[in-house]
């Protein structure tokens, strides 16, 4: 009788524990941002000439729109998906090489599903933003509002299959096979690109072997103090058959002056190997040094970013207020970014 009572108490306790044990529920989240900006040149016209650095986004004079970004994600214990949709000029420019591109713009920035095969292996298939470089398409994740030459002429997105491996507490590895860079819905060439990323303690070495080019990239950063961060990006790209390419590096020192205000600088040197066409002078082996000073004011979910940018090229790549060729351009941007 005593054994029966003891067994009954054990079963009741086990049932009670099973009822109280936490069960991980799948999570669906909706997030995103909207952004707009005002831009003006100091040293060039602000009219139909639309003189601006030949880097992506935020290049129109006066008041202009960025994009609305809506990200829907589902995270289960083993599987999940991300649907990242963009609406507006910045989003259209970011998906420029989609065969679905039209006057209304392509709205898919990222669209992928993933499977956590184990605690150390994750498989992802679909369209995802590039693993190379320091900056990204969404203005929320960038400190500077205008973008660098390195970002603008590296890949934006890939469509394919990648595997992420956690190799220990500090090391990680990613391997991927993808369509030609920036081609999303289909692969008209029948060729594929191969990518790899080796990570160690927040530092990443990236390699992309595309049918038309090869790129190697280092991206990282260091917290030098509680209030001072230094980001670093360097890359080299060479097109096939020893064609033109580029190389460059950028430093991103950022100093938090208060809980709501941070000041950051992007100092970038970018040089064309041959006439790559990124700087706009039409002269082979042209280089440019661009210094961008950005302030970031946080007001709840709204971020205000005033920015001064000075671009100085080795050849005449811009025009001045008299419409004469010149090597430099000074400009100002005021951006408003709301994230949710």
C-alpha atoms as a PDB file:
ATOM      1  CA  UNK A   1       0.000   0.000   0.000  1.00  0.00           C
ATOM      2  CA  UNK A   2       2.861   2.344   0.878  1.00  0.00           C
ATOM      3  CA  UNK A   3       4.455   1.681  -2.540  1.00  0.00           C
ATOM      4  CA  UNK A   4       1.184   2.508  -4.330  1.00  0.00           C
ATOM      5  CA  UNK A   5       0.846   5.815  -2.452  1.00  0.00           C
ATOM      6  CA  UNK A   6       4.483   6.736  -3.173  1.00  0.00           C
ATOM      7  CA  UNK A   7       4.077   5.952  -6.885  1.00  0.00           C
ATOM      8  CA  UNK A   8       0.878   7.991  -7.047  1.00  0.00           C
ATOM      9  CA  UNK A   9       2.575  10.974  -5.418  1.00  0.00           C
ATOM     10  CA  UNK A  10       5.446  10.680  -7.922  1.00  0.00           C
ATOM     11  CA  UNK A  11       3.071  10.623 -10.907  1.00  0.00           C
ATOM     12  CA  UNK A  12       1.150  13.641  -9.561  1.00  0.00           C
ATOM     13  CA  UNK A  13       4.409  15.561  -9.046  1.00  0.00           C
ATOM     14  CA  UNK A  14       5.618  14.618 -12.527  1.00  0.00           C
ATOM     15  CA  UNK A  15       2.339  15.758 -14.073  1.00  0.00           C
ATOM     16  CA  UNK A  16       2.488  19.011 -12.125  1.00  0.00           C
ATOM     17  CA  UNK A  17       6.062  19.643 -13.335  1.00  0.00           C
ATOM     18  CA  UNK A  18       5.089  18.889 -16.936  1.00  0.00           C
ATOM     19  CA  UNK A  19       2.263  21.429 -16.698  1.00  0.00           C
ATOM     20  CA  UNK A  20       4.516  24.094 -15.180  1.00  0.00           C
ATOM     21  CA  UNK A  21       7.527  23.513 -17.465  1.00  0.00           C
ATOM     22  CA  UNK A  22       7.902  26.449 -19.859  1.00  0.00           C
ATOM     23  CA  UNK A  23       7.125  25.698 -23.484  1.00  0.00           C
ATOM     24  CA  UNK A  24       8.876  27.788 -26.104  1.00  0.00           C
ATOM     25  CA  UNK A  25       6.167  29.288 -28.267  1.00  0.00           C
ATOM     26  CA  UNK A  26       6.852  30.350 -31.871  1.00  0.00           C
ATOM     27  CA  UNK A  27       7.240  34.109 -32.164  1.00  0.00           C
ATOM     28  CA  UNK A  28       5.892  36.322 -34.948  1.00  0.00           C
ATOM     29  CA  UNK A  29       7.228  39.874 -35.038  1.00  0.00           C
ATOM     30  CA  UNK A  30       6.628  42.925 -37.206  1.00  0.00           C
ATOM     31  CA  UNK A  31       9.269  45.650 -37.321  1.00  0.00           C
ATOM     32  CA  UNK A  32      10.655  48.225 -39.711  1.00  0.00           C
ATOM     33  CA  UNK A  33      11.345  51.884 -40.345  1.00  0.00           C
ATOM     34  CA  UNK A  34      10.534  54.960 -42.422  1.00  0.00           C
ATOM     35  CA  UNK A  35      13.005  57.655 -43.409  1.00  0.00           C
ATOM     36  CA  UNK A  36      13.159  60.952 -45.282  1.00  0.00           C
ATOM     37  CA  UNK A  37      15.859  63.570 -45.797  1.00  0.00           C
ATOM     38  CA  UNK A  38      16.834  67.053 -46.949  1.00  0.00           C
ATOM     39  CA  UNK A  39      20.024  67.476 -48.990  1.00  0.00           C
ATOM     40  CA  UNK A  40      21.926  70.547 -50.218  1.00  0.00           C
ATOM     41  CA  UNK A  41      25.312  71.152 -51.835  1.00  0.00           C
ATOM     42  CA  UNK A  42      27.658  73.828 -50.529  1.00  0.00           C
ATOM     43  CA  UNK A  43      29.898  73.933 -53.581  1.00  0.00           C
ATOM     44  CA  UNK A  44      27.637  72.830 -56.456  1.00  0.00           C
ATOM     45  CA  UNK A  45      24.172  73.654 -57.842  1.00  0.00           C
ATOM     46  CA  UNK A  46      21.019  72.360 -56.189  1.00  0.00           C
ATOM     47  CA  UNK A  47      18.896  72.016 -59.307  1.00  0.00           C
ATOM     48  CA  UNK A  48      18.250  69.620 -62.171  1.00  0.00           C
ATOM     49  CA  UNK A  49      21.977  68.912 -62.415  1.00  0.00           C
ATOM     50  CA  UNK A  50      21.580  66.855 -59.197  1.00  0.00           C
ATOM     51  CA  UNK A  51      25.311  66.858 -58.451  1.00  0.00           C
ATOM     52  CA  UNK A  52      26.078  64.376 -55.683  1.00  0.00           C
ATOM     53  CA  UNK A  53      28.665  61.756 -54.699  1.00  0.00           C
ATOM     54  CA  UNK A  54      28.320  58.672 -56.892  1.00  0.00           C
ATOM     55  CA  UNK A  55      27.443  56.514 -53.912  1.00  0.00           C
ATOM     56  CA  UNK A  56      24.038  54.963 -53.309  1.00  0.00           C
ATOM     57  CA  UNK A  57      20.961  56.692 -51.895  1.00  0.00           C
ATOM     58  CA  UNK A  58      20.366  60.226 -50.522  1.00  0.00           C
ATOM     59  CA  UNK A  59      21.505  61.939 -53.720  1.00  0.00           C
ATOM     60  CA  UNK A  60      18.577  64.223 -54.589  1.00  0.00           C
ATOM     61  CA  UNK A  61      18.482  67.970 -53.835  1.00  0.00           C
ATOM     62  CA  UNK A  62      15.905  69.430 -51.458  1.00  0.00           C
ATOM     63  CA  UNK A  63      13.425  67.328 -49.486  1.00  0.00           C
ATOM     64  CA  UNK A  64      13.249  63.704 -50.603  1.00  0.00           C
ATOM     65  CA  UNK A  65      12.036  60.291 -49.509  1.00  0.00           C
ATOM     66  CA  UNK A  66      14.055  57.334 -48.358  1.00  0.00           C
ATOM     67  CA  UNK A  67      11.874  54.273 -47.935  1.00  0.00           C
ATOM     68  CA  UNK A  68       9.354  52.469 -45.806  1.00  0.00           C
ATOM     69  CA  UNK A  69      10.740  49.158 -44.570  1.00  0.00           C
ATOM     70  CA  UNK A  70       8.456  46.453 -43.155  1.00  0.00           C
ATOM     71  CA  UNK A  71       9.993  43.239 -41.822  1.00  0.00           C
ATOM     72  CA  UNK A  72       7.783  40.279 -40.899  1.00  0.00           C
ATOM     73  CA  UNK A  73       9.533  37.365 -39.215  1.00  0.00           C
ATOM     74  CA  UNK A  74       8.531  34.048 -37.678  1.00  0.00           C
ATOM     75  CA  UNK A  75      10.888  32.314 -35.260  1.00  0.00           C
ATOM     76  CA  UNK A  76      10.153  28.760 -34.269  1.00  0.00           C
ATOM     77  CA  UNK A  77      12.249  26.355 -32.249  1.00  0.00           C
ATOM     78  CA  UNK A  78      13.786  24.870 -35.397  1.00  0.00           C
ATOM     79  CA  UNK A  79      12.527  26.827 -38.399  1.00  0.00           C
ATOM     80  CA  UNK A  80      11.523  30.332 -39.351  1.00  0.00           C
ATOM     81  CA  UNK A  81      11.346  32.936 -42.100  1.00  0.00           C
ATOM     82  CA  UNK A  82      11.993  36.615 -42.798  1.00  0.00           C
ATOM     83  CA  UNK A  83      10.038  38.733 -45.279  1.00  0.00           C
ATOM     84  CA  UNK A  84      11.713  42.145 -45.614  1.00  0.00           C
ATOM     85  CA  UNK A  85       9.714  44.535 -47.826  1.00  0.00           C
ATOM     86  CA  UNK A  86      10.771  47.993 -49.001  1.00  0.00           C
ATOM     87  CA  UNK A  87       8.716  50.781 -50.544  1.00  0.00           C
ATOM     88  CA  UNK A  88      10.131  54.025 -51.926  1.00  0.00           C
ATOM     89  CA  UNK A  89      13.182  55.343 -53.817  1.00  0.00           C
ATOM     90  CA  UNK A  90      15.835  53.832 -51.516  1.00  0.00           C
ATOM     91  CA  UNK A  91      14.176  50.433 -51.732  1.00  0.00           C
ATOM     92  CA  UNK A  92      13.887  50.646 -55.528  1.00  0.00           C
ATOM     93  CA  UNK A  93      17.569  51.546 -55.835  1.00  0.00           C
ATOM     94  CA  UNK A  94      18.501  48.669 -53.521  1.00  0.00           C
ATOM     95  CA  UNK A  95      16.707  46.107 -55.717  1.00  0.00           C
ATOM     96  CA  UNK A  96      17.859  47.588 -59.028  1.00  0.00           C
ATOM     97  CA  UNK A  97      18.881  44.316 -60.653  1.00  0.00           C
ATOM     98  CA  UNK A  98      15.647  42.428 -60.187  1.00  0.00           C
ATOM     99  CA  UNK A  99      13.954  41.264 -63.414  1.00  0.00           C
ATOM    100  CA  UNK A 100      10.679  42.276 -61.760  1.00  0.00           C
ATOM    101  CA  UNK A 101      11.905  45.881 -61.670  1.00  0.00           C
ATOM    102  CA  UNK A 102       9.356  48.363 -63.039  1.00  0.00           C
ATOM    103  CA  UNK A 103       8.260  51.954 -62.564  1.00  0.00           C
ATOM    104  CA  UNK A 104       6.553  50.894 -59.343  1.00  0.00           C
ATOM    105  CA  UNK A 105       9.778  49.391 -58.004  1.00  0.00           C
ATOM    106  CA  UNK A 106      10.590  45.985 -56.618  1.00  0.00           C
ATOM    107  CA  UNK A 107       9.528  45.621 -53.003  1.00  0.00           C
ATOM    108  CA  UNK A 108      11.442  42.516 -51.873  1.00  0.00           C
ATOM    109  CA  UNK A 109      14.631  43.384 -50.014  1.00  0.00           C
ATOM    110  CA  UNK A 110      14.992  39.985 -48.337  1.00  0.00           C
ATOM    111  CA  UNK A 111      12.875  36.848 -48.428  1.00  0.00           C
ATOM    112  CA  UNK A 112      14.238  33.651 -46.917  1.00  0.00           C
ATOM    113  CA  UNK A 113      13.458  30.636 -44.769  1.00  0.00           C
ATOM    114  CA  UNK A 114      15.870  28.938 -42.368  1.00  0.00           C
ATOM    115  CA  UNK A 115      16.323  25.690 -40.476  1.00  0.00           C
ATOM    116  CA  UNK A 116      18.321  25.368 -37.260  1.00  0.00           C
ATOM    117  CA  UNK A 117      19.659  21.898 -37.948  1.00  0.00           C
ATOM    118  CA  UNK A 118      21.447  21.858 -34.595  1.00  0.00           C
ATOM    119  CA  UNK A 119      22.790  24.301 -32.042  1.00  0.00           C
ATOM    120  CA  UNK A 120      25.807  24.879 -34.262  1.00  0.00           C
ATOM    121  CA  UNK A 121      24.422  24.576 -37.821  1.00  0.00           C
ATOM    122  CA  UNK A 122      21.875  26.818 -39.551  1.00  0.00           C
ATOM    123  CA  UNK A 123      20.730  26.563 -43.182  1.00  0.00           C
ATOM    124  CA  UNK A 124      19.187  29.553 -44.976  1.00  0.00           C
ATOM    125  CA  UNK A 125      17.622  29.604 -48.445  1.00  0.00           C
ATOM    126  CA  UNK A 126      16.206  32.545 -50.353  1.00  0.00           C
ATOM    127  CA  UNK A 127      17.201  36.163 -50.913  1.00  0.00           C
ATOM    128  CA  UNK A 128      19.319  37.833 -48.227  1.00  0.00           C
ATOM    129  CA  UNK A 129      21.405  41.002 -47.957  1.00  0.00           C
ATOM    130  CA  UNK A 130      25.114  40.599 -48.581  1.00  0.00           C
ATOM    131  CA  UNK A 131      27.489  39.376 -45.908  1.00  0.00           C
ATOM    132  CA  UNK A 132      30.261  41.678 -47.188  1.00  0.00           C
ATOM    133  CA  UNK A 133      30.918  45.209 -45.969  1.00  0.00           C
ATOM    134  CA  UNK A 134      30.266  47.431 -42.992  1.00  0.00           C
ATOM    135  CA  UNK A 135      27.118  49.206 -44.181  1.00  0.00           C
ATOM    136  CA  UNK A 136      23.707  47.826 -45.144  1.00  0.00           C
ATOM    137  CA  UNK A 137      20.616  48.915 -47.068  1.00  0.00           C
ATOM    138  CA  UNK A 138      18.458  49.854 -44.078  1.00  0.00           C
ATOM    139  CA  UNK A 139      19.366  53.302 -42.643  1.00  0.00           C
ATOM    140  CA  UNK A 140      18.514  52.050 -39.147  1.00  0.00           C
ATOM    141  CA  UNK A 141      21.584  49.808 -39.032  1.00  0.00           C
ATOM    142  CA  UNK A 142      24.003  52.433 -40.424  1.00  0.00           C
ATOM    143  CA  UNK A 143      25.453  55.262 -38.377  1.00  0.00           C
ATOM    144  CA  UNK A 144      25.986  57.602 -41.341  1.00  0.00           C
ATOM    145  CA  UNK A 145      22.924  58.327 -43.457  1.00  0.00           C
ATOM    146  CA  UNK A 146      24.713  58.704 -46.790  1.00  0.00           C
ATOM    147  CA  UNK A 147      26.576  55.576 -47.833  1.00  0.00           C
ATOM    148  CA  UNK A 148      30.204  54.822 -48.666  1.00  0.00           C
ATOM    149  CA  UNK A 149      31.724  54.034 -52.054  1.00  0.00           C
ATOM    150  CA  UNK A 150      32.737  50.621 -50.695  1.00  0.00           C
ATOM    151  CA  UNK A 151      29.114  49.809 -49.897  1.00  0.00           C
ATOM    152  CA  UNK A 152      27.741  51.268 -53.118  1.00  0.00           C
ATOM    153  CA  UNK A 153      29.949  49.230 -55.444  1.00  0.00           C
ATOM    154  CA  UNK A 154      30.049  45.994 -53.510  1.00  0.00           C
ATOM    155  CA  UNK A 155      27.143  43.518 -53.642  1.00  0.00           C
ATOM    156  CA  UNK A 156      23.742  44.452 -52.213  1.00  0.00           C
ATOM    157  CA  UNK A 157      22.002  41.071 -52.041  1.00  0.00           C
ATOM    158  CA  UNK A 158      22.295  37.395 -52.931  1.00  0.00           C
ATOM    159  CA  UNK A 159      19.820  34.639 -53.706  1.00  0.00           C
ATOM    160  CA  UNK A 160      20.876  31.130 -52.844  1.00  0.00           C
ATOM    161  CA  UNK A 161      21.647  28.680 -50.064  1.00  0.00           C
ATOM    162  CA  UNK A 162      24.053  29.332 -47.202  1.00  0.00           C
ATOM    163  CA  UNK A 163      25.160  27.362 -44.152  1.00  0.00           C
ATOM    164  CA  UNK A 164      26.265  29.044 -40.909  1.00  0.00           C
ATOM    165  CA  UNK A 165      28.453  27.089 -38.500  1.00  0.00           C
ATOM    166  CA  UNK A 166      29.211  28.020 -34.897  1.00  0.00           C
ATOM    167  CA  UNK A 167      32.752  26.718 -34.377  1.00  0.00           C
ATOM    168  CA  UNK A 168      33.043  27.573 -30.713  1.00  0.00           C
ATOM    169  CA  UNK A 169      32.638  30.527 -28.402  1.00  0.00           C
ATOM    170  CA  UNK A 170      34.436  32.985 -30.721  1.00  0.00           C
ATOM    171  CA  UNK A 171      34.712  31.428 -34.196  1.00  0.00           C
ATOM    172  CA  UNK A 172      32.051  31.175 -36.905  1.00  0.00           C
ATOM    173  CA  UNK A 173      31.992  30.082 -40.542  1.00  0.00           C
ATOM    174  CA  UNK A 174      29.550  30.705 -43.377  1.00  0.00           C
ATOM    175  CA  UNK A 175      29.587  28.960 -46.752  1.00  0.00           C
ATOM    176  CA  UNK A 176      27.165  29.754 -49.566  1.00  0.00           C
ATOM    177  CA  UNK A 177      26.270  29.102 -53.195  1.00  0.00           C
ATOM    178  CA  UNK A 178      24.231  31.798 -54.926  1.00  0.00           C
ATOM    179  CA  UNK A 179      23.001  33.215 -58.218  1.00  0.00           C
ATOM    180  CA  UNK A 180      25.018  35.932 -59.905  1.00  0.00           C
ATOM    181  CA  UNK A 181      25.297  38.836 -57.474  1.00  0.00           C
ATOM    182  CA  UNK A 182      22.175  41.008 -57.133  1.00  0.00           C
ATOM    183  CA  UNK A 183      20.062  38.729 -59.354  1.00  0.00           C
ATOM    184  CA  UNK A 184      17.022  37.667 -57.361  1.00  0.00           C
ATOM    185  CA  UNK A 185      14.158  35.846 -59.051  1.00  0.00           C
ATOM    186  CA  UNK A 186      16.132  33.803 -61.567  1.00  0.00           C
ATOM    187  CA  UNK A 187      19.602  33.117 -62.928  1.00  0.00           C
ATOM    188  CA  UNK A 188      19.747  33.910 -66.673  1.00  0.00           C
ATOM    189  CA  UNK A 189      23.442  33.029 -66.983  1.00  0.00           C
ATOM    190  CA  UNK A 190      23.348  29.547 -65.466  1.00  0.00           C
ATOM    191  CA  UNK A 191      26.471  30.442 -63.471  1.00  0.00           C
ATOM    192  CA  UNK A 192      26.780  30.601 -59.714  1.00  0.00           C
ATOM    193  CA  UNK A 193      28.700  32.581 -57.125  1.00  0.00           C
ATOM    194  CA  UNK A 194      30.394  31.135 -54.055  1.00  0.00           C
ATOM    195  CA  UNK A 195      30.859  32.952 -50.768  1.00  0.00           C
ATOM    196  CA  UNK A 196      32.590  32.347 -47.475  1.00  0.00           C
ATOM    197  CA  UNK A 197      32.879  34.239 -44.206  1.00  0.00           C
ATOM    198  CA  UNK A 198      35.200  33.484 -41.310  1.00  0.00           C
ATOM    199  CA  UNK A 199      34.352  35.286 -38.079  1.00  0.00           C
ATOM    200  CA  UNK A 200      36.285  35.718 -34.865  1.00  0.00           C
ATOM    201  CA  UNK A 201      35.122  37.863 -31.936  1.00  0.00           C
ATOM    202  CA  UNK A 202      33.230  40.360 -34.085  1.00  0.00           C
ATOM    203  CA  UNK A 203      35.863  40.497 -36.872  1.00  0.00           C
ATOM    204  CA  UNK A 204      34.931  39.042 -40.270  1.00  0.00           C
ATOM    205  CA  UNK A 205      36.933  38.049 -43.327  1.00  0.00           C
ATOM    206  CA  UNK A 206      34.666  37.701 -46.358  1.00  0.00           C
ATOM    207  CA  UNK A 207      35.314  36.247 -49.804  1.00  0.00           C
ATOM    208  CA  UNK A 208      32.985  36.265 -52.820  1.00  0.00           C
ATOM    209  CA  UNK A 209      33.844  34.461 -56.068  1.00  0.00           C
ATOM    210  CA  UNK A 210      31.311  35.619 -58.651  1.00  0.00           C
ATOM    211  CA  UNK A 211      31.260  34.618 -62.348  1.00  0.00           C
ATOM    212  CA  UNK A 212      32.167  38.226 -63.247  1.00  0.00           C
ATOM    213  CA  UNK A 213      34.380  39.310 -60.327  1.00  0.00           C
ATOM    214  CA  UNK A 214      36.278  38.366 -57.188  1.00  0.00           C
ATOM    215  CA  UNK A 215      36.029  40.337 -53.928  1.00  0.00           C
ATOM    216  CA  UNK A 216      37.728  40.015 -50.560  1.00  0.00           C
ATOM    217  CA  UNK A 217      36.538  42.121 -47.647  1.00  0.00           C
ATOM    218  CA  UNK A 218      37.346  42.692 -43.990  1.00  0.00           C
ATOM    219  CA  UNK A 219      34.701  44.108 -41.672  1.00  0.00           C
ATOM    220  CA  UNK A 220      35.033  44.597 -37.936  1.00  0.00           C
ATOM    221  CA  UNK A 221      35.233  46.978 -35.044  1.00  0.00           C
ATOM    222  CA  UNK A 222      36.423  47.483 -31.509  1.00  0.00           C
ATOM    223  CA  UNK A 223      34.938  49.033 -28.361  1.00  0.00           C
ATOM    224  CA  UNK A 224      37.916  51.128 -27.279  1.00  0.00           C
ATOM    225  CA  UNK A 225      36.008  52.394 -24.227  1.00  0.00           C
ATOM    226  CA  UNK A 226      32.456  52.468 -22.888  1.00  0.00           C
ATOM    227  CA  UNK A 227      31.712  55.503 -25.078  1.00  0.00           C
ATOM    228  CA  UNK A 228      34.105  55.127 -28.036  1.00  0.00           C
ATOM    229  CA  UNK A 229      33.746  52.606 -30.867  1.00  0.00           C
ATOM    230  CA  UNK A 230      35.932  52.210 -33.943  1.00  0.00           C
ATOM    231  CA  UNK A 231      34.520  50.410 -36.970  1.00  0.00           C
ATOM    232  CA  UNK A 232      36.739  49.229 -39.834  1.00  0.00           C
ATOM    233  CA  UNK A 233      36.068  48.157 -43.421  1.00  0.00           C
ATOM    234  CA  UNK A 234      38.496  47.320 -46.226  1.00  0.00           C
ATOM    235  CA  UNK A 235      37.836  45.646 -49.568  1.00  0.00           C
ATOM    236  CA  UNK A 236      39.377  44.732 -52.910  1.00  0.00           C
ATOM    237  CA  UNK A 237      37.369  43.811 -56.025  1.00  0.00           C
ATOM    238  CA  UNK A 238      38.658  42.684 -59.416  1.00  0.00           C
ATOM    239  CA  UNK A 239      36.487  41.946 -62.423  1.00  0.00           C
ATOM    240  CA  UNK A 240      37.057  38.985 -64.754  1.00  0.00           C
ATOM    241  CA  UNK A 241      39.786  38.923 -67.419  1.00  0.00           C
ATOM    242  CA  UNK A 242      41.876  41.427 -65.420  1.00  0.00           C
ATOM    243  CA  UNK A 243      39.281  44.129 -66.012  1.00  0.00           C
ATOM    244  CA  UNK A 244      38.763  47.224 -63.854  1.00  0.00           C
ATOM    245  CA  UNK A 245      38.105  46.989 -60.139  1.00  0.00           C
ATOM    246  CA  UNK A 246      38.510  48.917 -56.928  1.00  0.00           C
ATOM    247  CA  UNK A 247      40.152  48.919 -53.534  1.00  0.00           C
ATOM    248  CA  UNK A 248      39.555  50.981 -50.450  1.00  0.00           C
ATOM    249  CA  UNK A 249      39.278  51.307 -46.721  1.00  0.00           C
ATOM    250  CA  UNK A 250      37.146  53.198 -44.230  1.00  0.00           C
ATOM    251  CA  UNK A 251      37.342  54.012 -40.529  1.00  0.00           C
ATOM    252  CA  UNK A 252      34.209  54.687 -38.453  1.00  0.00           C
ATOM    253  CA  UNK A 253      35.082  56.310 -35.109  1.00  0.00           C
ATOM    254  CA  UNK A 254      31.947  56.976 -33.026  1.00  0.00           C
ATOM    255  CA  UNK A 255      31.808  58.804 -29.691  1.00  0.00           C
ATOM    256  CA  UNK A 256      28.732  58.725 -27.436  1.00  0.00           C
ATOM    257  CA  UNK A 257      28.553  62.170 -25.817  1.00  0.00           C
ATOM    258  CA  UNK A 258      25.341  61.462 -23.900  1.00  0.00           C
ATOM    259  CA  UNK A 259      22.558  58.894 -23.684  1.00  0.00           C
ATOM    260  CA  UNK A 260      20.808  60.567 -26.644  1.00  0.00           C
ATOM    261  CA  UNK A 261      23.589  62.042 -28.805  1.00  0.00           C
ATOM    262  CA  UNK A 262      26.478  60.343 -30.619  1.00  0.00           C
ATOM    263  CA  UNK A 263      28.971  61.893 -33.008  1.00  0.00           C
ATOM    264  CA  UNK A 264      30.550  59.759 -35.706  1.00  0.00           C
ATOM    265  CA  UNK A 265      32.972  60.149 -38.598  1.00  0.00           C
ATOM    266  CA  UNK A 266      33.416  58.033 -41.706  1.00  0.00           C
ATOM    267  CA  UNK A 267      36.829  58.562 -43.296  1.00  0.00           C
ATOM    268  CA  UNK A 268      37.033  56.615 -46.563  1.00  0.00           C
ATOM    269  CA  UNK A 269      39.679  56.236 -49.257  1.00  0.00           C
ATOM    270  CA  UNK A 270      38.520  54.586 -52.476  1.00  0.00           C
ATOM    271  CA  UNK A 271      40.586  54.035 -55.627  1.00  0.00           C
ATOM    272  CA  UNK A 272      39.635  52.615 -59.006  1.00  0.00           C
ATOM    273  CA  UNK A 273      41.873  50.014 -60.611  1.00  0.00           C
ATOM    274  CA  UNK A 274      41.445  51.037 -64.237  1.00  0.00           C
ATOM    275  CA  UNK A 275      38.312  52.937 -65.244  1.00  0.00           C
ATOM    276  CA  UNK A 276      35.784  51.204 -62.990  1.00  0.00           C
ATOM    277  CA  UNK A 277      33.323  54.095 -63.299  1.00  0.00           C
ATOM    278  CA  UNK A 278      32.488  54.568 -59.636  1.00  0.00           C
ATOM    279  CA  UNK A 279      33.935  58.029 -59.064  1.00  0.00           C
ATOM    280  CA  UNK A 280      32.775  59.572 -62.313  1.00  0.00           C
ATOM    281  CA  UNK A 281      35.842  61.301 -63.713  1.00  0.00           C
ATOM    282  CA  UNK A 282      36.181  58.951 -66.680  1.00  0.00           C
ATOM    283  CA  UNK A 283      39.909  58.719 -65.918  1.00  0.00           C
ATOM    284  CA  UNK A 284      41.575  55.411 -65.087  1.00  0.00           C
ATOM    285  CA  UNK A 285      42.996  54.902 -61.592  1.00  0.00           C
ATOM    286  CA  UNK A 286      41.039  57.800 -60.097  1.00  0.00           C
ATOM    287  CA  UNK A 287      40.806  57.979 -56.302  1.00  0.00           C
ATOM    288  CA  UNK A 288      38.598  59.813 -53.835  1.00  0.00           C
ATOM    289  CA  UNK A 289      38.795  60.635 -50.149  1.00  0.00           C
ATOM    290  CA  UNK A 290      35.416  61.204 -48.493  1.00  0.00           C
ATOM    291  CA  UNK A 291      34.975  62.463 -44.932  1.00  0.00           C
ATOM    292  CA  UNK A 292      31.456  62.315 -43.496  1.00  0.00           C
ATOM    293  CA  UNK A 293      30.672  63.772 -40.072  1.00  0.00           C
ATOM    294  CA  UNK A 294      27.305  62.693 -38.670  1.00  0.00           C
ATOM    295  CA  UNK A 295      25.452  63.553 -35.507  1.00  0.00           C
ATOM    296  CA  UNK A 296      22.797  61.189 -34.199  1.00  0.00           C
ATOM    297  CA  UNK A 297      20.015  62.510 -31.901  1.00  0.00           C
ATOM    298  CA  UNK A 298      17.733  59.824 -30.422  1.00  0.00           C
ATOM    299  CA  UNK A 299      14.200  60.897 -29.456  1.00  0.00           C
ATOM    300  CA  UNK A 300      12.381  57.723 -28.419  1.00  0.00           C
ATOM    301  CA  UNK A 301      12.053  55.756 -31.686  1.00  0.00           C
ATOM    302  CA  UNK A 302      12.945  58.749 -33.862  1.00  0.00           C
ATOM    303  CA  UNK A 303      16.555  59.488 -34.855  1.00  0.00           C
ATOM    304  CA  UNK A 304      17.585  62.843 -36.326  1.00  0.00           C
ATOM    305  CA  UNK A 305      20.877  62.846 -38.247  1.00  0.00           C
ATOM    306  CA  UNK A 306      22.543  66.058 -39.474  1.00  0.00           C
ATOM    307  CA  UNK A 307      25.505  65.258 -41.715  1.00  0.00           C
ATOM    308  CA  UNK A 308      28.307  67.147 -43.462  1.00  0.00           C
ATOM    309  CA  UNK A 309      30.178  65.353 -46.245  1.00  0.00           C
ATOM    310  CA  UNK A 310      33.323  66.414 -48.134  1.00  0.00           C
ATOM    311  CA  UNK A 311      34.408  64.401 -51.206  1.00  0.00           C
ATOM    312  CA  UNK A 312      37.828  65.126 -52.733  1.00  0.00           C
ATOM    313  CA  UNK A 313      38.870  63.268 -55.901  1.00  0.00           C
ATOM    314  CA  UNK A 314      42.220  63.059 -57.664  1.00  0.00           C
ATOM    315  CA  UNK A 315      40.586  64.122 -60.956  1.00  0.00           C
ATOM    316  CA  UNK A 316      37.706  66.390 -61.962  1.00  0.00           C
ATOM    317  CA  UNK A 317      34.688  64.336 -60.866  1.00  0.00           C
ATOM    318  CA  UNK A 318      32.234  67.093 -59.854  1.00  0.00           C
ATOM    319  CA  UNK A 319      31.183  70.600 -60.923  1.00  0.00           C
ATOM    320  CA  UNK A 320      31.152  73.844 -58.963  1.00  0.00           C
ATOM    321  CA  UNK A 321      28.510  76.580 -58.750  1.00  0.00           C
ATOM    322  CA  UNK A 322      29.766  78.003 -62.067  1.00  0.00           C
ATOM    323  CA  UNK A 323      29.299  74.570 -63.712  1.00  0.00           C
ATOM    324  CA  UNK A 324      33.058  74.208 -64.102  1.00  0.00           C
ATOM    325  CA  UNK A 325      34.736  70.817 -63.499  1.00  0.00           C
ATOM    326  CA  UNK A 326      36.243  70.463 -60.042  1.00  0.00           C
ATOM    327  CA  UNK A 327      37.814  67.804 -57.864  1.00  0.00           C
ATOM    328  CA  UNK A 328      35.757  68.359 -54.715  1.00  0.00           C
ATOM    329  CA  UNK A 329      32.198  68.524 -53.450  1.00  0.00           C
ATOM    330  CA  UNK A 330      30.806  69.700 -50.121  1.00  0.00           C
ATOM    331  CA  UNK A 331      27.257  68.761 -49.118  1.00  0.00           C
ATOM    332  CA  UNK A 332      24.821  68.642 -46.199  1.00  0.00           C
ATOM    333  CA  UNK A 333      22.108  66.118 -45.312  1.00  0.00           C
ATOM    334  CA  UNK A 334      19.455  66.190 -42.598  1.00  0.00           C
ATOM    335  CA  UNK A 335      17.720  62.847 -42.161  1.00  0.00           C
ATOM    336  CA  UNK A 336      14.820  61.661 -40.014  1.00  0.00           C
ATOM    337  CA  UNK A 337      14.498  57.923 -39.327  1.00  0.00           C
ATOM    338  CA  UNK A 338      11.674  56.339 -37.354  1.00  0.00           C
ATOM    339  CA  UNK A 339      12.017  52.685 -36.395  1.00  0.00           C
ATOM    340  CA  UNK A 340       9.440  50.367 -34.850  1.00  0.00           C
END
